[in-house]
Amino acid sequence: MRTIANTVVALMMIWALGVSFLAFLDTTIHWPWIITEAIPYHRLQTVRIGLLLTFSYYGLLHLLGKNQEFYPLHFLTTYLFYMSLSGLIIFYRRDVLMQDWGILVFFCVCLIFCYAAGRPDVNRHIKKYKN
């Protein structure tokens, strides 16, 4: 399961790098590989609000004195959670096409895989305490 999750993370990373590089060359791409002049507004709002909620989450942790080191996968999981949550609300309120809901479901599945990849190995801890 962890291998599949890491593969999903690697594929998302490659996609993000490719789209970012092409954006510097004035080519706009949105999920999955659709080249357009502009990103649909509801998708742009989903990404924007997801990022703002993630920023707020980490800011709140800081203000509450919960400062600790987080792994990069924790940030990715937190962002995917808030992006999926905001997407669910925005897509419902704007009554978007069914194919956009499929994209939201895809990112929810990616969230599950990222959570599985970042979850500590419980069996390792149990074996440690049995000895």
Protein backbone atom coordinates (compact mmCIF):
# COMPACT_ATOMS: atom_id res chain seq x y z
CA MET A 1 0.00 0.00 0.00
CA ARG A 2 2.80 2.40 0.87
CA THR A 3 4.46 1.77 -2.53
CA ILE A 4 1.25 2.67 -4.35
CA ALA A 5 0.84 5.77 -2.19
CA ASN A 6 4.42 6.88 -2.90
CA THR A 7 3.85 6.31 -6.61
CA VAL A 8 0.75 8.54 -6.51
CA VAL A 9 2.74 11.24 -4.70
CA ALA A 10 5.55 10.98 -7.27
CA LEU A 11 3.12 11.24 -10.20
CA MET A 12 1.42 14.28 -8.65
CA MET A 13 4.83 15.86 -8.13
CA ILE A 14 5.85 15.27 -11.76
CA TRP A 15 2.54 16.70 -12.98
CA ALA A 16 2.91 19.79 -10.76
CA LEU A 17 6.47 20.40 -11.92
CA GLY A 18 5.48 20.05 -15.57
CA VAL A 19 2.51 22.39 -15.28
CA SER A 20 4.59 24.92 -13.31
CA PHE A 21 7.35 24.88 -15.91
CA LEU A 22 4.86 25.31 -18.75
CA ALA A 23 3.22 28.22 -16.90
CA PHE A 24 6.53 30.07 -17.10
CA LEU A 25 6.31 29.58 -20.86
CA ASP A 26 2.81 31.14 -20.93
CA THR A 27 0.99 27.84 -21.39
CA THR A 28 -1.98 27.38 -19.05
CA ILE A 29 -2.83 23.80 -18.18
CA HIS A 30 -5.45 22.56 -15.77
CA TRP A 31 -6.20 19.06 -14.61
CA PRO A 32 -5.45 16.66 -16.15
CA TRP A 33 -3.73 17.97 -19.31
CA ILE A 34 -6.19 20.49 -20.72
CA ILE A 35 -4.50 23.46 -22.39
CA THR A 36 -6.66 26.59 -22.20
CA GLU A 37 -6.45 30.35 -22.09
CA ALA A 38 -7.73 30.51 -18.50
CA ILE A 39 -8.47 28.18 -15.60
CA PRO A 40 -12.19 27.87 -14.78
CA TYR A 41 -13.11 30.20 -11.93
CA HIS A 42 -14.54 27.52 -9.62
CA ARG A 43 -11.30 25.51 -9.87
CA LEU A 44 -9.20 28.59 -9.22
CA GLN A 45 -11.30 29.42 -6.16
CA THR A 46 -10.93 25.85 -4.87
CA VAL A 47 -7.14 26.01 -5.06
CA ARG A 48 -7.02 29.51 -3.58
CA ILE A 49 -9.32 28.77 -0.64
CA GLY A 50 -7.59 25.43 0.01
CA LEU A 51 -4.25 27.22 0.25
CA LEU A 52 -5.65 29.96 2.49
CA LEU A 53 -7.23 27.41 4.84
CA THR A 54 -3.96 25.48 5.00
CA PHE A 55 -2.10 28.69 5.85
CA SER A 56 -4.68 29.45 8.54
CA TYR A 57 -4.36 25.95 10.00
CA TYR A 58 -0.58 26.21 10.40
CA GLY A 59 -0.90 29.78 11.67
CA LEU A 60 -3.35 28.61 14.33
CA LEU A 61 -1.01 25.80 15.36
CA HIS A 62 1.76 28.36 15.76
CA LEU A 63 -0.39 30.73 17.84
CA LEU A 64 -1.50 27.87 20.10
CA GLY A 65 2.13 27.00 20.76
CA LYS A 66 1.98 23.70 18.91
CA ASN A 67 5.24 24.45 17.11
CA GLN A 68 6.79 21.26 15.86
CA GLU A 69 8.48 19.99 12.77
CA PHE A 70 6.15 18.61 10.15
CA TYR A 71 7.07 16.33 7.32
CA PRO A 72 6.38 17.62 3.79
CA LEU A 73 3.75 14.94 3.37
CA HIS A 74 1.87 16.41 6.34
CA PHE A 75 1.62 19.73 4.49
CA LEU A 76 0.48 17.98 1.31
CA THR A 77 -2.14 15.97 3.20
CA THR A 78 -3.39 19.09 4.99
CA TYR A 79 -3.59 21.04 1.72
CA LEU A 80 -5.40 18.23 -0.12
CA PHE A 81 -7.89 17.97 2.74
CA TYR A 82 -8.72 21.68 2.70
CA MET A 83 -8.73 21.83 -1.09
CA SER A 84 -11.16 18.90 -1.24
CA LEU A 85 -13.35 20.45 1.44
CA SER A 86 -13.46 23.85 -0.26
CA GLY A 87 -13.99 22.18 -3.64
CA LEU A 88 -16.94 20.23 -2.29
CA ILE A 89 -18.59 23.42 -1.06
CA ILE A 90 -17.77 25.54 -4.13
CA PHE A 91 -18.70 22.86 -6.67
CA TYR A 92 -22.03 22.29 -4.91
CA ARG A 93 -22.86 26.00 -4.69
CA ARG A 94 -21.92 26.70 -8.34
CA ASP A 95 -23.62 23.56 -9.71
CA VAL A 96 -20.61 22.59 -11.86
CA LEU A 97 -20.48 19.85 -14.47
CA MET A 98 -20.23 16.22 -13.43
CA GLN A 99 -16.75 15.83 -14.94
CA ASP A 100 -15.41 18.40 -12.47
CA TRP A 101 -16.77 16.31 -9.63
CA GLY A 102 -14.64 13.46 -10.96
CA ILE A 103 -11.55 15.62 -10.55
CA LEU A 104 -12.55 16.36 -6.97
CA VAL A 105 -12.99 12.64 -6.31
CA PHE A 106 -9.54 12.01 -7.80
CA PHE A 107 -7.94 14.47 -5.38
CA CYS A 108 -9.85 12.89 -2.48
CA VAL A 109 -8.33 9.54 -3.47
CA CYS A 110 -4.91 11.21 -3.62
CA LEU A 111 -5.58 12.53 -0.12
CA ILE A 112 -6.23 8.99 1.11
CA PHE A 113 -3.04 7.72 -0.51
CA CYS A 114 -0.98 10.58 0.95
CA TYR A 115 -2.45 9.91 4.37
CA ALA A 116 -1.55 6.23 4.02
CA ALA A 117 2.00 7.07 2.92
CA GLY A 118 2.55 9.44 5.84
CA ARG A 119 0.92 7.31 8.52
CA PRO A 120 3.42 5.91 11.01
CA ASP A 121 3.94 2.19 10.87
CA VAL A 122 1.91 0.99 13.86
CA ASN A 123 3.35 -2.52 13.79
CA ARG A 124 6.88 -1.16 14.16
CA HIS A 125 5.91 0.65 17.36
CA ILE A 126 4.12 -2.39 18.79
CA LYS A 127 7.15 -4.60 18.17
CA LYS A 128 9.38 -2.03 19.86
CA TYR A 129 7.35 -2.09 23.06
CA LYS A 130 6.93 -5.90 23.18
CA ASN A 131 10.68 -6.47 23.55
